[in-house]
C-alpha cells in the first residue's frame, strides 16, 4: 500500500512548546510508518534539530523569511511550491502563525490535496494586519487543528467555520518525564549546580523568556509573598530568551536575588521537576500548555492562571489550583498551602499523572492526527470522483480551490 507523502513545515527547532509538539508529532508519524513524512522549516537552528537528525531527517529544506512583503518572500514561496510539486506532497501540516501563512499559500499554489493549519492560543498579541493574514491562511486550509476546546471556541467566535476546526490535544511522553533510575536528590542538585541549596524547597516555572505573555513578573511577585511565609522556599525559572536579564533585575528588586534561580535552557525537564514540590504557570494567554502536561506527567501539583485550555487539564482542588490571570496574591496563597501540606500536594500530583495517562498520551495524539489525515484524504478522493462524473467538474474544482 502506498504511503501518502506528508510535509510538516516547522518555524524552527528552538526549544519552545510549539516546536517541541511539532517535532514530537513528526517523530510519532515517522515511527508509525503510515505516511512518508518530510520536514521543512523557516529557520534551521535550534537544539531540537538533533532529534530530527537522529530519525534520519538530515537534509531539511530551509525557507528563510524576513518579511511577507519583500522579494525574498516571493522567492521562498516559489521554492516551496516547487518542492511540494516535485515531492508529490499530499498533506501539508503547518504549526504556527508564520508557517500557517507561508505554508498554506504555497500548498494552495501547488494544489496540495490536503492543507492543515494550526492554532495554539486563544488571545494573541498580533496586529490587525497579522490577524487578517491569519484569517486568509485559514480560508486556504481544509482544517485548522487546535490544541484545546477553548482555542476551538475562540477561533469559531472569530469567524472560522466550525466544521474546519478540529481539536487535538497535545501529547506528552510520560516516560520522558520519569526521573532517572538511581538518581537521588544530591545528584539532581549537582546537575543544576544547586548543591548549596540542599535544604531548600523548590517552586518551579518552565516557560520561555522570549514572550511577555508568559508573565514572569506575576510569578516573581507571588514568589516574594511565598518567601515571607515559607523562608526555605526557592524558585526555579527554566527558560531562555531576551527577557532573562529584565526578569533577573526584577527578582533582585523584589529581594529575591538569592532565591530566584534562573536555570536557562533545561535539557532534562524530568530532573528539574523531580526536584520541585510545586509547579506554576503564570501566563496571560495560552492555548494548551505543554508545561502543565509535563508537570502533571511528573506527578507534581500545579498552580496555574486561568488562561486558554488550562481548565481542560487542571482539575481545581484535585490536581492543583487555578487562579485569575495576574493575581499574584492568590497564586502565592495556593503555593503556600501546597508547601504546608506536602501529603496533599503529593496526592494531587499523582492524580494529575493518572489524568495525563488517560487523556493526553502520545498515542492518543497520533491516532487523532492520523484519523484527520485519512478523513481529509478520503474527502479529496470523493471530490475528484464527483468532478470526473459531472460535466461541470472542472468548474467545480476551480470553485473548491478558491473556497478552500
Foldseek 3Di string as FASTA:
>chain_A
DDAAEEEEEEAECAPAPLNVLSLLLLVVVLVVPNHNYAYAYQYHDYPRVVVVVVSPHDDHHHQHDPDCPDPSVVVSLVVLLVVCLVVVHQEYEYGDLVCLLSVLSSCLVNVRLAYEYEDWWQDDDDDPVSVVSNVVSLQSHQAYEYQAVLNLVSVVVVPRDSVRYHYFHRFDDLVLLADDPPQDPCNLCVVQVNNVLSQAAEEEEEHAQADCQQVVVLVLVLVLVLCVVPVRYAYEYEHYHPCVVVSCVVNVVSVCNVRYHYRYHDPRVNSVLVRHAEYEGQGPMTAHDPRLLSNLSSLFAYEYEPHHRPCVQQPDQQQYHYDHHSCSPVSSVRVNVCVVPVVSRNRSSPRSSVCSVVRRHPVSSNVVVVVVVVVSVVVSVVLVVVLVVDPCSVVVVVVVSSRD
